[in-house]
Each structure stands twice: as C-alpha cells, then as structure tokens.
Amino acid sequence: MKILIISVTFLLLTFSIFAQPQKIDYEDYRDGLTAKRQGEYEKAIQHFSDFLVDYDFYPQAYYARGQTYSKLGEYAKALLDFEEFCELEPENGEAFYSAGRAAYNLGELETSEIYLTKAIAINPSNAYAYNDRGMTYCYLKKYDNAISDFKKAVLIDSSFAMAYNNIGAARYFNQDIAVPSSYDMREAKKWFTKAIDADNTLFIAYFNRAAMHYFLDDPESALKDIKKAASLNPSEAMAYFYQGMIYRKQKNYGAAIAAFEQSAKMNEELKFAPEEIANTYKEQGQYGSALEYYKKAKNMDTESGGEMYGGLMDYKMSVIYALQKNESAMFLALKNAKNAKVFNDKKVYEAFLQEKAFREYRSQKDFKKFAKSIRGSNKYNKFADAELSWFRMSM
C-alpha cells in the first residue's frame, strides 16, 4: 500500500513540474519593439526572430515581426507571420485583418478576401476591414460588393474620410464608356465632398473631386481642387499632369504644356505626359511638334517592353499624317497600329470610324481594304482613357 501511495505521489509531482507555464525572458521581444519604434526594422526583425527561437508559441511576437516585415515591403514574410498569428489566436480579428492586408499587398486578392471576411465575422464593427475588403472587391471586379462595404465602413465610422472617397471612386472602376454620365459625376462629387468635410487635408479627395468638376465643365473649380491637391502632396506628378488637362480644356495651351512637362520631369517614366503634350500641339494645329511627342511616347513604351500603347501612338500619328496629306506615312502608321492589335480596342476602333482626318481617303480602294481587315476582330476596352484613369482609391 505504501508503494502505491509513493508511486501516485511521484506521478502527481512529475505532472505538476511539467505543467508549470514556461517562464519567458522578454528581453529580445522588448528590444525588438524598441527597434521597431525607432525605425530600425532589420534590427527589430532579428530581435523578434531570436525571441521566437525559444518562444515560438508567443503570438504577439509573430504579429510584431509581421508588422515590421510590412514596413519593409516584405509582404510574403509578413503574411507567413500573420498566418501563424491566426493559428495561435483563431478568435483574434486583428490577426486575420493583418493577414488580409498583407495578402492584398501581395496581389493575392482571393486570399485577402477570405482573411478580411473572417476579420469582419470576428469583429463586425471594424470599419477598416470593410474598407479594405471593398478595395479587394474592386480589383476582383465585384463593384457592387465593394460599394456596399465602403458604405458599411462609413456607417460604422462617420469620420472615415478615405472610405467616403472610395465610394465615389469605385463608380468608375467598371466604366465601359467614353465619359461617365453626369448623374454619376454629381453623385461621386457628393462623396468626395464628404471625404473632404471629414478630412480637409486628404489629398486623394481633392484630386478626385477635381475630376468631377472637369467632367461637369467647371474647369475653374477643377483647377482649384487640383492645385489644393498639389499643395498637399507636392511630389505627386499626376497632380501636375491633370493641371495640364484642365488648362487645355480652358485652351490655355502654354500653361497646359508647361504642366505636362513638369509632370514628366517629376516622373521620367510617365509616358502619358508626352502623349498629352502631343494632343495639345495637335489641337493647336502644330502637327510637326505633335508627331515629335507621339514618337517620344511610343519610344518610352518600347523601352519598357510595351507594344499596344506604342501601337496606339502609331494610330495617333496616322491621324497627323492624314492631316498633313502624307498618304504613304499614314498607311504605314495604320499598318503598325494594326500589327499591335490596337483596333481590337473598341474605343480606338470607334475613333477610327469617326475620324474626320480620314474622310477624303475612305473612298479609296486601299483604305476600304484596310478598314475591312480590322472590322471582324473581337472588341474590348484595353486602353484606360487618360481622363478616366484620374480616379483613385486607397486602403
């Protein structure tokens, strides 16, 4: 009997020893947090990694390291850490929200949707999760779902300026027309104004509302908003680019070209700037200068490995050659555009059919033959109109 009692006592003692929670030395974890706070991200990651070697069950260390990887733009590593966080704390909405953002930044949109949906299920009052899932839905072309999520975000947080902005901009992610309707513009302008009312320093809302004024034929208000946007973010080349668009609408051609040149100087890869400079020269009847800049835009696209955009420039050059009565150059440019499959684009094809510069050639046999050769291909909208690409959204 004594032997049995001793054995049981030994077992209980052994269990109590192993059941004790492991004592954690937080030094590396705390040092990691300090380094992260000071912007020493590589150092922070090393501290978190050293900590996790001994305490791989500690969820907050994965979260902190995942955040640090995100700061460095290393979203694949961040996602792995956030997924580990989800495994360790499956009822923690922040874990799934962080994983959803990392997946979004990796372009893994379906994965992002799954994680953000889980985050919302755990915490239905997370306005940021609704906004970010709305962004994911937009890029998955689920526009109705996106707008619904953005509206839920502002219902939860009426001061959420970016979500108001996103409601307005989302209307244009599914445009398949040359210019959106006036009704859409007026409705969108209301949302951008709400965004500005919520945060009068929000660059993106002024940037987008300027587009509304532009399309609604109020260039003075458009210019006021785009200049405000530029003052809030002076390094954003597109704010100057769209100043050029507005100045051209006002027929202030010198200011337009100067603004386009400023945007090109700020972003040397901005091929739309020389294209719009060319369009401005064309509008003034300065065809030689227009050709020069269309060629520059085409060369920029070729250097970056593009083809179709370069073909679009060929088409635009064909119009200039027609205006110059240079028939052989016109046909060569049209052929180059066709080879780049530019006329598969519905808007380009419709522009070709309506282009007045080709009027005197349409009865010619060769022109008829060419027009017939591009008629039967499937048509879609490949090229984003420079004006429609104005609209922006953000997480």
Protein backbone atom coordinates (compact mmCIF):
# COMPACT_ATOMS: atom_id res chain seq x y z
CA MET A 1 0.00 0.00 0.00
CA LYS A 2 2.84 2.41 0.81
CA ILE A 3 4.44 1.62 -2.56
CA LEU A 4 1.22 2.58 -4.36
CA ILE A 5 0.95 5.86 -2.45
CA ILE A 6 4.55 6.73 -3.22
CA SER A 7 4.02 5.96 -6.94
CA VAL A 8 0.92 8.14 -7.15
CA THR A 9 2.66 10.93 -5.29
CA PHE A 10 5.59 10.72 -7.74
CA LEU A 11 3.26 10.93 -10.72
CA LEU A 12 1.45 13.96 -9.31
CA LEU A 13 4.76 15.67 -8.58
CA THR A 14 6.03 14.95 -12.09
CA PHE A 15 2.84 16.29 -13.67
CA SER A 16 2.95 19.46 -11.61
CA ILE A 17 6.56 20.09 -12.68
CA PHE A 18 5.80 19.74 -16.40
CA ALA A 19 2.50 21.58 -16.17
CA GLN A 20 4.16 24.75 -14.93
CA PRO A 21 3.97 27.53 -17.58
CA GLN A 22 7.31 28.25 -19.21
CA LYS A 23 8.96 31.33 -17.78
CA ILE A 24 9.50 33.82 -20.62
CA ASP A 25 12.52 36.06 -20.97
CA TYR A 26 11.06 39.11 -22.75
CA GLU A 27 14.36 40.92 -23.34
CA ASP A 28 14.61 40.22 -27.11
CA TYR A 29 10.92 40.93 -27.61
CA ARG A 30 11.14 44.28 -25.81
CA ASP A 31 14.32 45.18 -27.69
CA GLY A 32 12.54 44.34 -30.94
CA LEU A 33 9.64 46.65 -30.09
CA THR A 34 12.09 49.44 -29.25
CA ALA A 35 13.99 48.99 -32.52
CA LYS A 36 10.74 48.90 -34.49
CA ARG A 37 9.53 52.09 -32.83
CA GLN A 38 12.84 53.78 -33.74
CA GLY A 39 12.60 52.66 -37.37
CA GLU A 40 15.46 50.16 -37.10
CA TYR A 41 13.46 47.46 -38.84
CA GLU A 42 16.21 44.97 -39.70
CA LYS A 43 17.43 45.09 -36.11
CA ALA A 44 13.87 44.65 -34.84
CA ILE A 45 13.32 41.58 -37.03
CA GLN A 46 16.50 39.99 -35.67
CA HIS A 47 15.35 40.54 -32.07
CA PHE A 48 11.88 39.11 -32.79
CA SER A 49 13.42 36.12 -34.59
CA ASP A 50 15.81 35.43 -31.70
CA PHE A 51 12.86 35.58 -29.30
CA LEU A 52 10.78 33.18 -31.41
CA VAL A 53 13.55 30.58 -31.47
CA ASP A 54 12.81 29.93 -27.78
CA TYR A 55 9.16 31.00 -27.62
CA ASP A 56 7.54 30.01 -30.88
CA PHE A 57 4.16 29.81 -29.14
CA TYR A 58 4.01 33.56 -28.40
CA PRO A 59 1.52 35.11 -30.87
CA GLN A 60 2.33 38.78 -30.32
CA ALA A 61 5.92 38.25 -31.47
CA TYR A 62 4.67 36.96 -34.84
CA TYR A 63 2.36 39.97 -35.07
CA ALA A 64 5.16 42.41 -34.27
CA ARG A 65 7.56 40.79 -36.71
CA GLY A 66 4.86 40.66 -39.40
CA GLN A 67 4.22 44.38 -38.95
CA THR A 68 7.94 45.04 -39.25
CA TYR A 69 8.22 42.99 -42.45
CA SER A 70 5.30 45.05 -43.79
CA LYS A 71 7.20 48.25 -43.04
CA LEU A 72 9.99 46.90 -45.26
CA GLY A 73 7.55 45.88 -48.01
CA GLU A 74 8.34 42.19 -47.45
CA TYR A 75 4.71 41.16 -47.57
CA ALA A 76 5.25 37.46 -48.24
CA LYS A 77 7.20 37.11 -44.98
CA ALA A 78 4.66 39.31 -43.22
CA LEU A 79 1.81 37.08 -44.40
CA LEU A 80 3.54 33.96 -43.05
CA ASP A 81 3.86 35.61 -39.64
CA PHE A 82 0.26 36.82 -39.62
CA GLU A 83 -0.94 33.35 -40.63
CA GLU A 84 0.98 31.92 -37.67
CA PHE A 85 -0.71 34.55 -35.52
CA CYS A 86 -4.10 33.37 -36.85
CA GLU A 87 -3.25 29.75 -35.97
CA LEU A 88 -2.28 30.68 -32.43
CA GLU A 89 -5.21 33.04 -31.83
CA PRO A 90 -8.06 31.94 -34.13
CA GLU A 91 -10.54 34.31 -32.47
CA ASN A 92 -8.35 37.39 -32.81
CA GLY A 93 -9.82 39.63 -35.50
CA GLU A 94 -6.64 41.73 -35.75
CA ALA A 95 -4.70 38.60 -36.80
CA PHE A 96 -7.00 37.96 -39.77
CA TYR A 97 -7.20 41.65 -40.64
CA SER A 98 -3.39 41.87 -40.79
CA ALA A 99 -3.20 38.73 -42.91
CA GLY A 100 -5.80 40.18 -45.28
CA ARG A 101 -3.84 43.40 -45.77
CA ALA A 102 -0.60 41.51 -46.40
CA ALA A 103 -2.30 39.26 -48.97
CA TYR A 104 -3.78 42.35 -50.67
CA ASN A 105 -0.35 43.94 -50.92
CA LEU A 106 0.94 40.72 -52.49
CA GLY A 107 -1.85 40.81 -55.07
CA GLU A 108 -3.36 37.61 -53.64
CA LEU A 109 -6.86 39.07 -53.79
CA GLU A 110 -8.92 35.93 -53.18
CA THR A 111 -6.81 35.15 -50.11
CA SER A 112 -7.19 38.73 -48.93
CA GLU A 113 -10.98 38.49 -49.28
CA ILE A 114 -11.05 35.29 -47.18
CA TYR A 115 -8.98 36.75 -44.35
CA LEU A 116 -10.82 40.08 -44.28
CA THR A 117 -14.18 38.30 -44.27
CA LYS A 118 -13.01 36.30 -41.25
CA ALA A 119 -11.84 39.50 -39.56
CA ILE A 120 -15.28 41.05 -40.10
CA ALA A 121 -17.03 37.93 -38.79
CA ILE A 122 -15.00 38.19 -35.58
CA ASN A 123 -15.37 41.96 -35.27
CA PRO A 124 -18.30 43.35 -37.32
CA SER A 125 -17.52 46.89 -36.15
CA ASN A 126 -14.08 47.03 -37.82
CA ALA A 127 -14.60 49.84 -40.34
CA TYR A 128 -11.09 49.43 -41.74
CA ALA A 129 -11.73 45.76 -42.53
CA TYR A 130 -14.82 46.74 -44.54
CA ASN A 131 -12.90 49.44 -46.40
CA ASP A 132 -10.03 47.11 -47.22
CA ARG A 133 -12.31 44.28 -48.30
CA GLY A 134 -14.04 46.86 -50.50
CA MET A 135 -10.69 47.55 -52.14
CA THR A 136 -10.18 43.83 -52.69
CA TYR A 137 -13.66 43.51 -54.21
CA CYS A 138 -12.89 46.36 -56.61
CA TYR A 139 -9.86 44.62 -58.00
CA LEU A 140 -11.84 41.39 -58.21
CA LYS A 141 -14.39 43.40 -60.23
CA LYS A 142 -17.11 42.87 -57.62
CA TYR A 143 -18.08 46.52 -57.69
CA ASP A 144 -21.49 46.31 -56.03
CA ASN A 145 -19.96 44.40 -53.14
CA ALA A 146 -17.18 46.98 -52.92
CA ILE A 147 -19.53 49.96 -52.67
CA SER A 148 -21.62 48.11 -50.10
CA ASP A 149 -18.53 47.54 -47.95
CA PHE A 150 -17.37 51.15 -48.23
CA LYS A 151 -20.82 52.33 -47.15
CA LYS A 152 -20.74 49.96 -44.16
CA ALA A 153 -17.37 51.44 -43.22
CA VAL A 154 -18.77 54.98 -43.04
CA LEU A 155 -21.85 53.81 -41.17
CA ILE A 156 -19.55 52.41 -38.50
CA ASP A 157 -17.22 55.43 -38.55
CA SER A 158 -18.77 58.60 -39.94
CA SER A 159 -15.36 60.33 -39.87
CA PHE A 160 -13.71 57.73 -42.16
CA ALA A 161 -12.66 60.10 -44.95
CA MET A 162 -10.90 57.53 -47.14
CA ALA A 163 -13.96 55.29 -47.24
CA TYR A 164 -16.10 58.22 -48.46
CA ASN A 165 -13.51 58.82 -51.17
CA ASN A 166 -13.58 55.17 -52.16
CA ILE A 167 -17.35 55.15 -52.58
CA GLY A 168 -17.04 57.93 -55.14
CA ALA A 169 -14.09 56.47 -56.99
CA ALA A 170 -15.49 52.93 -57.11
CA ARG A 171 -18.18 54.01 -59.56
CA TYR A 172 -15.53 54.40 -62.25
CA PHE A 173 -13.72 51.11 -61.86
CA ASN A 174 -16.37 49.46 -64.03
CA GLN A 175 -16.71 52.15 -66.70
CA ASP A 176 -17.01 50.90 -70.25
CA ILE A 177 -17.99 54.20 -71.82
CA ALA A 178 -16.02 57.16 -73.09
CA VAL A 179 -17.32 59.57 -70.45
CA PRO A 180 -19.36 58.67 -67.35
CA SER A 181 -22.85 60.10 -67.01
CA SER A 182 -23.48 63.49 -65.42
CA TYR A 183 -25.58 61.74 -62.78
CA ASP A 184 -22.65 59.51 -61.81
CA MET A 185 -20.40 62.55 -61.68
CA ARG A 186 -22.70 64.52 -59.42
CA GLU A 187 -23.20 61.56 -57.10
CA ALA A 188 -19.47 60.89 -56.91
CA LYS A 189 -18.75 64.57 -56.23
CA LYS A 190 -21.01 64.35 -53.18
CA TRP A 191 -18.92 61.51 -51.76
CA PHE A 192 -15.63 63.29 -52.44
CA THR A 193 -17.01 66.38 -50.72
CA LYS A 194 -18.00 64.23 -47.73
CA ALA A 195 -14.41 62.93 -47.65
CA ILE A 196 -13.07 66.50 -47.65
CA ASP A 197 -15.55 67.51 -44.93
CA ALA A 198 -14.26 64.63 -42.83
CA ASP A 199 -10.59 65.45 -43.53
CA ASN A 200 -9.72 68.70 -45.30
CA THR A 201 -6.10 67.55 -45.70
CA LEU A 202 -6.97 64.44 -47.73
CA PHE A 203 -5.03 64.79 -50.99
CA ILE A 204 -6.84 62.00 -52.80
CA ALA A 205 -10.31 63.51 -52.26
CA TYR A 206 -9.33 66.89 -53.76
CA PHE A 207 -7.57 65.02 -56.57
CA ASN A 208 -10.72 63.05 -57.40
CA ARG A 209 -13.18 65.90 -56.93
CA ALA A 210 -11.14 67.93 -59.43
CA ALA A 211 -12.02 65.25 -61.98
CA MET A 212 -15.72 65.65 -61.21
CA HIS A 213 -15.53 69.39 -61.83
CA TYR A 214 -13.54 68.75 -65.00
CA PHE A 215 -16.15 66.39 -66.46
CA LEU A 216 -19.00 68.62 -65.35
CA ASP A 217 -17.47 71.51 -67.33
CA ASP A 218 -16.36 73.54 -64.33
CA PRO A 219 -12.63 73.92 -65.07
CA GLU A 220 -12.16 76.77 -62.58
CA SER A 221 -13.33 74.60 -59.67
CA ALA A 222 -11.32 71.69 -61.08
CA LEU A 223 -8.18 73.79 -61.16
CA LYS A 224 -8.77 75.00 -57.61
CA ASP A 225 -9.09 71.44 -56.32
CA ILE A 226 -6.13 70.03 -58.25
CA LYS A 227 -3.90 72.87 -57.05
CA LYS A 228 -5.01 72.18 -53.48
CA ALA A 229 -4.12 68.50 -54.04
CA ALA A 230 -0.69 69.51 -55.35
CA SER A 231 -0.10 71.72 -52.31
CA LEU A 232 -0.91 68.78 -50.03
CA ASN A 233 1.36 66.39 -51.94
CA PRO A 234 3.90 68.39 -53.95
CA SER A 235 5.81 65.28 -55.05
CA GLU A 236 2.81 63.74 -56.86
CA ALA A 237 3.49 64.13 -60.57
CA MET A 238 -0.09 63.31 -61.57
CA ALA A 239 -1.41 66.38 -59.79
CA TYR A 240 0.57 68.49 -62.26
CA PHE A 241 -0.36 66.20 -65.15
CA TYR A 242 -4.06 66.83 -64.55
CA GLN A 243 -3.44 70.55 -64.18
CA GLY A 244 -2.32 70.27 -67.80
CA MET A 245 -5.58 68.56 -68.73
CA ILE A 246 -7.59 71.36 -67.11
CA TYR A 247 -5.52 74.15 -68.67
CA ARG A 248 -6.02 72.56 -72.09
CA LYS A 249 -9.76 72.45 -71.52
CA GLN A 250 -9.53 76.19 -70.87
CA LYS A 251 -7.47 76.49 -74.11
CA ASN A 252 -4.57 77.84 -72.07
CA TYR A 253 -2.15 75.80 -74.18
CA GLY A 254 1.08 77.28 -72.91
CA ALA A 255 0.18 76.56 -69.28
CA ALA A 256 -1.01 73.08 -70.26
CA ILE A 257 2.26 72.13 -71.92
CA ALA A 258 4.25 73.59 -69.01
CA ALA A 259 2.22 71.49 -66.54
CA PHE A 260 2.68 68.31 -68.61
CA GLU A 261 6.41 68.98 -68.84
CA GLN A 262 6.54 69.49 -65.07
CA SER A 263 4.87 66.12 -64.50
CA ALA A 264 7.28 64.43 -66.94
CA LYS A 265 10.23 66.00 -65.14
CA MET A 266 8.97 64.67 -61.82
CA ASN A 267 8.30 61.18 -63.22
CA GLU A 268 10.54 60.31 -66.15
CA GLU A 269 8.56 57.11 -66.81
CA LEU A 270 5.26 58.94 -67.26
CA LYS A 271 4.63 58.20 -70.94
CA PHE A 272 1.19 59.84 -70.81
CA ALA A 273 2.85 63.25 -70.44
CA PRO A 274 4.41 63.34 -73.93
CA GLU A 275 1.19 61.87 -75.36
CA GLU A 276 -0.86 64.71 -73.87
CA ILE A 277 1.70 67.29 -74.98
CA ALA A 278 1.26 65.86 -78.48
CA ASN A 279 -2.52 66.06 -78.16
CA THR A 280 -2.17 69.71 -77.12
CA TYR A 281 0.01 70.55 -80.12
CA LYS A 282 -2.44 68.72 -82.38
CA GLU A 283 -5.32 70.80 -81.02
CA GLN A 284 -3.35 73.92 -81.94
CA GLY A 285 -2.61 72.61 -85.45
CA GLN A 286 1.13 72.25 -84.74
CA TYR A 287 1.41 68.85 -86.39
CA GLY A 288 5.19 68.60 -86.53
CA SER A 289 5.51 69.08 -82.77
CA ALA A 290 2.62 66.63 -82.21
CA LEU A 291 4.45 63.93 -84.19
CA GLU A 292 7.63 64.53 -82.22
CA TYR A 293 5.90 63.89 -78.91
CA TYR A 294 3.84 60.92 -80.11
CA LYS A 295 7.12 59.33 -81.20
CA LYS A 296 8.62 60.09 -77.81
CA ALA A 297 5.68 58.41 -76.03
CA LYS A 298 5.99 55.38 -78.32
CA ASN A 299 9.73 55.09 -77.68
CA MET A 300 9.17 55.23 -73.93
CA ASP A 301 6.68 52.38 -74.20
CA THR A 302 9.00 50.29 -76.39
CA GLU A 303 11.87 50.77 -73.95
CA SER A 304 9.68 49.46 -71.12
CA GLY A 305 8.72 46.35 -73.11
CA GLY A 306 5.30 47.59 -74.19
CA GLU A 307 3.64 47.07 -77.55
CA MET A 308 -0.03 48.01 -77.61
CA TYR A 309 0.45 51.50 -76.21
CA GLY A 310 3.14 52.08 -78.82
CA GLY A 311 0.62 50.90 -81.39
CA LEU A 312 -1.86 53.44 -80.07
CA MET A 313 0.74 56.13 -80.72
CA ASP A 314 1.09 54.77 -84.27
CA TYR A 315 -2.64 55.24 -84.71
CA LYS A 316 -2.46 58.80 -83.40
CA MET A 317 0.44 59.50 -85.75
CA SER A 318 -1.62 58.14 -88.65
CA VAL A 319 -4.19 60.86 -87.95
CA ILE A 320 -1.48 63.52 -88.02
CA TYR A 321 -0.10 62.16 -91.30
CA ALA A 322 -3.63 62.27 -92.75
CA LEU A 323 -3.95 65.90 -91.68
CA GLN A 324 -0.58 66.59 -93.36
CA LYS A 325 -1.76 64.80 -96.55
CA ASN A 326 1.12 62.33 -96.20
CA GLU A 327 -0.73 59.26 -97.51
CA SER A 328 2.15 56.76 -97.54
CA ALA A 329 3.15 57.59 -93.94
CA MET A 330 -0.49 57.38 -92.90
CA PHE A 331 -0.89 53.84 -94.28
CA LEU A 332 2.39 52.70 -92.71
CA ALA A 333 1.33 54.03 -89.31
CA LEU A 334 -2.10 52.38 -89.63
CA LYS A 335 -0.43 49.08 -90.51
CA ASN A 336 1.85 49.33 -87.48
CA ALA A 337 -1.16 50.05 -85.27
CA LYS A 338 -2.99 47.03 -86.68
CA ASN A 339 0.02 44.77 -86.08
CA ALA A 340 -0.02 45.85 -82.45
CA LYS A 341 -3.73 44.80 -82.31
CA VAL A 342 -4.76 48.34 -81.38
CA PHE A 343 -8.02 48.14 -83.33
CA ASN A 344 -9.19 45.32 -81.06
CA ASP A 345 -9.86 48.14 -78.63
CA LYS A 346 -13.46 49.29 -79.00
CA LYS A 347 -12.77 52.97 -78.36
CA VAL A 348 -9.87 53.11 -80.81
CA TYR A 349 -11.90 51.33 -83.47
CA GLU A 350 -14.83 53.71 -83.00
CA ALA A 351 -12.44 56.67 -83.14
CA PHE A 352 -11.07 55.31 -86.43
CA LEU A 353 -14.58 55.08 -87.90
CA GLN A 354 -15.41 58.66 -86.88
CA GLU A 355 -12.05 60.35 -87.54
CA LYS A 356 -12.62 63.33 -89.84
CA ALA A 357 -8.97 63.37 -90.95
CA PHE A 358 -9.57 60.13 -92.89
CA ARG A 359 -12.67 61.46 -94.69
CA GLU A 360 -11.01 62.07 -98.05
CA TYR A 361 -9.38 58.60 -98.03
CA ARG A 362 -12.41 56.48 -97.16
CA SER A 363 -13.49 56.02 -100.76
CA GLN A 364 -10.07 54.75 -101.84
CA LYS A 365 -9.67 51.03 -102.53
CA ASP A 366 -6.66 50.58 -100.23
CA PHE A 367 -8.34 52.37 -97.36
CA LYS A 368 -11.53 50.33 -97.77
CA LYS A 369 -9.43 47.16 -97.77
CA PHE A 370 -7.69 48.23 -94.59
CA ALA A 371 -10.96 49.18 -92.88
CA LYS A 372 -12.41 45.77 -93.76
CA SER A 373 -9.33 43.99 -92.36
CA ILE A 374 -9.87 45.41 -88.86
CA ARG A 375 -13.64 45.08 -88.78
CA GLY A 376 -14.12 41.50 -87.62
CA SER A 377 -11.86 41.20 -84.57
CA ASN A 378 -13.33 40.98 -81.08
CA LYS A 379 -13.57 44.40 -79.50
CA TYR A 380 -12.80 45.29 -75.88
CA ASN A 381 -11.58 48.31 -73.96
CA LYS A 382 -7.86 47.87 -73.41
CA PHE A 383 -6.70 51.45 -73.02
CA ALA A 384 -7.75 53.45 -69.98
CA ASP A 385 -8.67 56.92 -71.07
CA ALA A 386 -6.23 59.40 -69.51
CA GLU A 387 -9.22 61.18 -68.01
CA LEU A 388 -10.93 58.08 -66.62
CA SER A 389 -7.67 56.86 -65.08
CA TRP A 390 -7.80 60.01 -62.95
CA PHE A 391 -9.85 58.36 -60.20
CA ARG A 392 -8.07 56.86 -57.21
CA MET A 393 -8.83 54.73 -54.19
CA SER A 394 -6.81 53.68 -51.19
CA MET A 395 -6.72 51.37 -48.19
